[in-house]
């Protein structure tokens, strides 16, 4: 039962439609997630680079003390709660920033790196994107952004993906079921016509919906074929009926002459031969009568004389 079910063309087309729709949905959601994630990371990297350039320019123009004060001022801004900065002295000690110490695995010159670090007073490590730059005088500067939006996006994307996938599967299933029902209904029209033809109703035709689609055009072609078949069968039936009817008279005359000859014959061998010829004429006459009965029965003539057996 199950093997036959999955061997159905309509079922396979329906499953292919569902799989294609779900795959397209999953691909679209993945692309959107990746694009949004890349955009957030680019924004964080640009913010870190801008902060680095500003601090480096402050030190170049006003010296290390001005740089330290600029970092402290930046850390007091409430709109920069995701900002990460750390200034390292030439001897490797921490000068100012919101990290407790310089990360051991981070060098003084990192173009961009994503790592989990503990900010001051933080209960857990956070994903941080950072860049590091060596400054004049042996100092090293670390600037970056907490990738909180990326984490939230990942969680939201996962929930949205599962929800959208469930909705997509439901919609795809409904659409596929409708398509399967529509295809089945259209194919049943051809099946009914074929069954009627098999049962002997040569006048049966495929019902058309006049839409002009592929099924309707196929119905036109099949109906034209059935018209031709009905015409040929009718002509063959007419020819058979005519031949059987026309041959009855010659056979009857031949039998009559054979019977006359049999009445005049005196030789035993001649008599036996004439009797055998008369029997063959009777058999031929019965065959012709049977052919006529079959032809009339197929044409529906004399149905009132039919009996069940």
Protein backbone atom coordinates (compact mmCIF):
# COMPACT_ATOMS: atom_id res chain seq x y z
CA UNK A 1 0.00 0.00 0.00
CA UNK A 2 2.70 2.47 1.00
CA UNK A 3 4.93 1.57 -1.97
CA UNK A 4 2.01 2.01 -4.36
CA UNK A 5 1.11 5.31 -2.73
CA UNK A 6 4.56 6.78 -3.28
CA UNK A 7 4.66 5.41 -6.83
CA UNK A 8 1.75 7.68 -7.76
CA UNK A 9 2.85 10.45 -10.09
CA UNK A 10 0.54 12.96 -8.42
CA UNK A 11 1.94 12.09 -4.97
CA UNK A 12 5.51 12.45 -6.19
CA UNK A 13 4.73 15.77 -7.86
CA UNK A 14 3.06 16.96 -4.65
CA UNK A 15 6.04 15.95 -2.52
CA UNK A 16 8.42 17.59 -4.98
CA UNK A 17 6.37 20.81 -4.77
CA UNK A 18 6.43 20.77 -0.96
CA UNK A 19 10.17 20.08 -0.84
CA UNK A 20 10.90 22.81 -3.38
CA UNK A 21 8.84 25.39 -1.48
CA UNK A 22 10.38 24.49 1.88
CA UNK A 23 13.90 24.51 0.40
CA UNK A 24 13.29 27.93 -1.18
CA UNK A 25 11.96 29.27 2.12
CA UNK A 26 14.92 27.89 4.08
CA UNK A 27 17.38 29.31 1.54
CA UNK A 28 15.73 32.73 1.67
CA UNK A 29 15.75 32.84 5.45
CA UNK A 30 19.39 31.74 5.54
CA UNK A 31 20.42 34.43 3.06
CA UNK A 32 18.57 37.11 5.03
CA UNK A 33 20.18 35.94 8.27
CA UNK A 34 23.67 35.90 6.79
CA UNK A 35 23.25 39.31 5.17
CA UNK A 36 21.91 40.89 8.37
CA UNK A 37 24.67 39.30 10.43
CA UNK A 38 27.34 40.57 8.04
CA UNK A 39 25.83 44.05 8.14
CA UNK A 40 25.90 44.14 11.95
CA UNK A 41 29.51 42.96 12.05
CA UNK A 42 30.50 45.57 9.45
CA UNK A 43 28.83 48.30 11.50
CA UNK A 44 30.67 47.15 14.63
CA UNK A 45 34.00 47.03 12.79
CA UNK A 46 33.49 50.51 11.34
CA UNK A 47 32.59 51.88 14.80
CA UNK A 48 35.76 50.35 16.26
CA UNK A 49 37.89 51.78 13.44
CA UNK A 50 36.38 55.26 13.84
CA UNK A 51 37.02 55.18 17.61
CA UNK A 52 40.60 54.02 17.02
CA UNK A 53 41.27 56.79 14.52
CA UNK A 54 39.78 59.43 16.85
CA UNK A 55 41.86 58.29 19.82
CA UNK A 56 45.03 58.01 17.75
CA UNK A 57 44.52 61.53 16.44
CA UNK A 58 43.94 62.82 20.00
CA UNK A 59 47.22 61.31 21.19
CA UNK A 60 49.10 62.63 18.18
CA UNK A 61 47.87 66.18 18.69
CA UNK A 62 47.51 66.42 22.49
CA UNK A 63 49.55 63.61 24.00
CA UNK A 64 48.84 60.52 26.15
CA UNK A 65 47.08 62.43 28.97
CA UNK A 66 44.53 63.82 26.54
CA UNK A 67 44.04 60.33 25.13
CA UNK A 68 43.36 58.90 28.60
CA UNK A 69 40.83 61.65 29.33
CA UNK A 70 39.14 61.11 25.95
CA UNK A 71 38.75 57.41 26.72
CA UNK A 72 37.25 58.17 30.13
CA UNK A 73 34.85 60.66 28.60
CA UNK A 74 33.79 58.11 26.02
CA UNK A 75 33.11 55.49 28.67
CA UNK A 76 30.76 57.84 30.50
CA UNK A 77 28.47 58.19 27.49
CA UNK A 78 25.28 56.25 28.04
CA UNK A 79 24.67 55.67 24.35
CA UNK A 80 27.91 53.65 24.11
CA UNK A 81 27.03 50.77 26.41
CA UNK A 82 28.38 48.26 23.86
CA UNK A 83 31.66 50.11 23.36
CA UNK A 84 34.88 48.34 24.41
CA UNK A 85 38.22 50.11 24.86
CA UNK A 86 41.52 49.47 26.60
CA UNK A 87 44.78 51.40 26.61
CA UNK A 88 47.94 49.43 27.45
CA UNK A 89 51.07 51.12 28.75
CA UNK A 90 54.50 50.38 27.29
CA UNK A 91 55.22 48.01 30.19
CA UNK A 92 52.05 45.98 29.39
CA UNK A 93 49.95 47.23 32.31
CA UNK A 94 46.41 48.47 31.97
CA UNK A 95 46.05 52.26 31.83
CA UNK A 96 42.34 52.92 31.23
CA UNK A 97 39.38 51.13 29.71
CA UNK A 98 36.50 48.83 30.52
CA UNK A 99 38.51 45.59 30.30
CA UNK A 100 40.33 44.31 33.36
CA UNK A 101 43.43 43.39 31.41
CA UNK A 102 44.80 43.00 27.93
CA UNK A 103 43.66 39.63 26.46
CA UNK A 104 46.52 37.18 26.47
CA UNK A 105 45.66 35.79 23.03
CA UNK A 106 45.37 39.21 21.35
CA UNK A 107 48.41 40.85 19.83
CA UNK A 108 49.08 44.59 19.63
CA UNK A 109 48.10 44.65 15.96
CA UNK A 110 44.85 42.91 15.08
CA UNK A 111 42.88 44.03 12.02
CA UNK A 112 39.58 42.51 13.23
CA UNK A 113 38.90 39.68 15.55
CA UNK A 114 35.87 38.22 17.27
CA UNK A 115 36.46 36.83 20.75
CA UNK A 116 34.62 36.31 24.03
CA UNK A 117 35.88 38.54 26.85
CA UNK A 118 34.82 39.73 30.29
CA UNK A 119 34.20 43.46 30.62
CA UNK A 120 34.59 45.04 34.04
CA UNK A 121 31.76 44.13 36.40
CA UNK A 122 30.35 41.65 33.84
CA UNK A 123 28.94 38.37 35.11
CA UNK A 124 29.77 36.41 31.96
CA UNK A 125 31.92 36.62 28.87
CA UNK A 126 30.46 38.45 25.91
CA UNK A 127 31.13 38.15 22.18
CA UNK A 128 33.28 41.13 21.22
CA UNK A 129 34.63 42.28 17.89
CA UNK A 130 37.86 44.26 18.32
CA UNK A 131 40.87 45.79 16.61
CA UNK A 132 44.21 46.67 18.18
CA UNK A 133 46.72 49.30 17.13
CA UNK A 134 50.18 50.18 18.42
CA UNK A 135 50.52 53.89 19.30
CA UNK A 136 53.56 56.15 19.57
CA UNK A 137 55.46 55.88 22.85
CA UNK A 138 54.96 52.11 23.16
CA UNK A 139 51.26 52.30 23.96
CA UNK A 140 48.71 49.89 22.45
CA UNK A 141 45.04 50.65 21.91
CA UNK A 142 42.16 48.18 21.77
CA UNK A 143 38.77 49.32 20.51
CA UNK A 144 35.72 47.24 19.74
CA UNK A 145 32.02 46.59 20.12
CA UNK A 146 30.04 44.01 22.04
CA UNK A 147 28.22 41.95 19.40
CA UNK A 148 25.06 41.82 21.44
CA UNK A 149 22.91 42.52 18.41
CA UNK A 150 24.48 39.56 16.66
CA UNK A 151 23.60 37.25 19.54
CA UNK A 152 20.05 38.59 19.70
CA UNK A 153 19.79 38.27 15.95
CA UNK A 154 20.94 34.66 16.08
CA UNK A 155 18.28 33.85 18.67
CA UNK A 156 15.58 35.78 16.85
CA UNK A 157 16.61 34.24 13.54
CA UNK A 158 16.42 30.76 14.97
CA UNK A 159 12.95 31.35 16.38
CA UNK A 160 11.82 33.10 13.18
CA UNK A 161 13.31 30.33 11.07
CA UNK A 162 11.45 27.61 12.95
CA UNK A 163 8.19 29.57 12.93
CA UNK A 164 8.47 30.50 9.24
CA UNK A 165 9.44 26.95 8.39
CA UNK A 166 6.37 25.58 10.18
CA UNK A 167 4.13 28.11 8.48
CA UNK A 168 5.82 27.47 5.14
CA UNK A 169 5.39 23.72 5.43
CA UNK A 170 1.72 24.19 6.30
CA UNK A 171 1.11 26.53 3.37
CA UNK A 172 3.14 24.32 1.04
CA UNK A 173 1.14 21.30 2.17
CA UNK A 174 -2.17 23.08 1.54
CA UNK A 175 -1.07 24.31 -1.88
CA UNK A 176 0.32 20.91 -2.81
CA UNK A 177 -2.88 19.18 -1.68
CA UNK A 178 -4.92 21.59 -3.79
CA UNK A 179 -2.67 20.98 -6.80
CA UNK A 180 -2.94 17.21 -6.27
CA UNK A 181 -6.73 17.47 -6.04
CA UNK A 182 -6.86 19.62 -9.17
CA UNK A 183 -4.62 17.26 -11.13
CA UNK A 184 -6.56 14.23 -9.90
CA UNK A 185 -9.87 15.81 -10.91
CA UNK A 186 -8.60 16.63 -14.39
CA UNK A 187 -7.10 13.16 -14.85
CA UNK A 188 -10.34 11.51 -13.67
CA UNK A 189 -12.08 13.09 -16.66
CA UNK A 190 -9.78 11.16 -19.00
CA UNK A 191 -10.11 8.02 -16.90
CA UNK A 192 -13.93 8.11 -17.06
CA UNK A 193 -13.85 8.54 -20.82
CA UNK A 194 -11.40 5.64 -21.22
CA UNK A 195 -13.54 3.39 -18.99
CA UNK A 196 -16.62 4.21 -21.05
CA UNK A 197 -14.80 3.37 -24.28
CA UNK A 198 -13.61 0.06 -22.80
CA UNK A 199 -17.19 -0.82 -21.84
CA UNK A 200 -18.26 -0.41 -25.48
CA UNK A 201 -19.57 3.16 -25.49
CA UNK A 202 -17.67 4.42 -28.51
CA UNK A 203 -19.65 7.66 -28.40
CA UNK A 204 -18.11 8.63 -25.01
CA UNK A 205 -15.87 11.70 -25.08
CA UNK A 206 -13.57 13.60 -22.72
CA UNK A 207 -15.39 16.42 -20.98
CA UNK A 208 -13.80 19.78 -21.72
CA UNK A 209 -13.72 22.87 -19.53
CA UNK A 210 -12.96 25.24 -22.45
CA UNK A 211 -10.03 26.85 -20.64
CA UNK A 212 -7.57 26.21 -23.44
CA UNK A 213 -4.91 24.86 -21.08
CA UNK A 214 -2.78 21.77 -21.67
CA UNK A 215 -5.44 19.39 -20.33
CA UNK A 216 -8.13 20.97 -22.48
CA UNK A 217 -5.91 20.73 -25.59
CA UNK A 218 -5.18 17.10 -24.74
CA UNK A 219 -8.92 16.48 -24.44
CA UNK A 220 -9.46 17.98 -27.93
CA UNK A 221 -6.82 15.66 -29.38
CA UNK A 222 -8.22 12.58 -27.63
CA UNK A 223 -11.77 13.42 -28.70
CA UNK A 224 -10.61 13.79 -32.31
CA UNK A 225 -8.92 10.39 -32.04
CA UNK A 226 -12.09 8.84 -30.58
CA UNK A 227 -14.18 10.38 -33.39
CA UNK A 228 -11.87 8.76 -35.93
CA UNK A 229 -11.98 5.40 -34.13
CA UNK A 230 -15.78 5.50 -33.95
CA UNK A 231 -15.97 6.29 -37.65
CA UNK A 232 -13.61 3.45 -38.59
CA UNK A 233 -15.42 0.96 -36.34
CA UNK A 234 -18.74 2.04 -37.81
CA UNK A 235 -17.45 1.60 -41.34
CA UNK A 236 -16.02 -1.82 -40.45
CA UNK A 237 -19.29 -2.83 -38.83
CA UNK A 238 -21.24 -1.65 -41.86
CA UNK A 239 -18.92 -3.56 -44.19
CA UNK A 240 -19.21 -6.73 -42.11
CA UNK A 241 -22.97 -6.46 -41.96
CA UNK A 242 -23.24 -5.81 -45.69
CA UNK A 243 -20.94 -8.71 -46.58
CA UNK A 244 -22.78 -11.12 -44.28
CA UNK A 245 -26.14 -10.00 -45.65
CA UNK A 246 -25.05 -10.13 -49.27
CA UNK A 247 -23.48 -13.59 -48.91
CA UNK A 248 -26.62 -15.20 -47.50
CA UNK A 249 -28.42 -15.26 -50.85
CA UNK A 250 -25.58 -16.90 -52.86
CA UNK A 251 -25.11 -19.47 -50.12
CA UNK A 252 -28.86 -20.21 -50.10
CA UNK A 253 -28.90 -20.61 -53.90
CA UNK A 254 -25.83 -22.83 -53.79
CA UNK A 255 -27.46 -25.03 -51.16
CA UNK A 256 -30.65 -25.29 -53.23
CA UNK A 257 -28.72 -26.40 -56.33
CA UNK A 258 -26.73 -28.89 -54.28
CA UNK A 259 -29.96 -30.35 -52.93
CA UNK A 260 -31.37 -30.61 -56.48
CA UNK A 261 -28.21 -32.35 -57.63
CA UNK A 262 -28.38 -34.66 -54.61
CA UNK A 263 -31.92 -35.67 -55.61
CA UNK A 264 -30.74 -36.69 -59.09
CA UNK A 265 -27.53 -38.39 -58.06
CA UNK A 266 -27.35 -42.21 -58.11
CA UNK A 267 -23.67 -42.83 -57.51
CA UNK A 268 -22.94 -43.36 -53.77
CA UNK A 269 -19.70 -41.38 -53.91
CA UNK A 270 -21.41 -38.48 -55.66
CA UNK A 271 -24.24 -38.58 -53.16
CA UNK A 272 -21.83 -38.49 -50.20
CA UNK A 273 -19.87 -35.58 -51.72
CA UNK A 274 -23.03 -33.57 -52.37
CA UNK A 275 -24.28 -34.23 -48.81
CA UNK A 276 -20.96 -33.01 -47.38
CA UNK A 277 -21.13 -29.85 -49.52
CA UNK A 278 -24.67 -29.20 -48.28
CA UNK A 279 -23.44 -29.51 -44.65
CA UNK A 280 -20.66 -27.03 -45.35
CA UNK A 281 -23.20 -24.66 -46.91
CA UNK A 282 -25.33 -24.94 -43.75
CA UNK A 283 -22.29 -24.17 -41.58
CA UNK A 284 -21.46 -21.15 -43.72
CA UNK A 285 -25.06 -19.98 -43.51
CA UNK A 286 -24.98 -20.28 -39.70
CA UNK A 287 -21.73 -18.29 -39.58
CA UNK A 288 -23.28 -15.54 -41.65
CA UNK A 289 -26.35 -15.44 -39.40
CA UNK A 290 -24.10 -15.24 -36.34
CA UNK A 291 -22.12 -12.39 -37.88
CA UNK A 292 -25.34 -10.51 -38.58
CA UNK A 293 -26.55 -11.06 -35.01
CA UNK A 294 -23.27 -9.80 -33.56
CA UNK A 295 -23.33 -6.74 -35.81
CA UNK A 296 -26.91 -5.92 -34.84
CA UNK A 297 -26.19 -6.51 -31.15
CA UNK A 298 -23.23 -4.10 -31.26
CA UNK A 299 -25.45 -1.57 -33.01
CA UNK A 300 -28.10 -2.00 -30.30
CA UNK A 301 -30.71 -3.50 -32.62
CA UNK A 302 -33.00 -6.08 -31.03
CA UNK A 303 -32.05 -5.39 -27.42
CA UNK A 304 -35.61 -6.31 -26.41
CA UNK A 305 -34.78 -9.91 -27.34
CA UNK A 306 -31.67 -10.05 -25.10
CA UNK A 307 -31.76 -12.38 -22.07
CA UNK A 308 -29.45 -12.66 -19.05
CA UNK A 309 -27.37 -15.79 -18.57
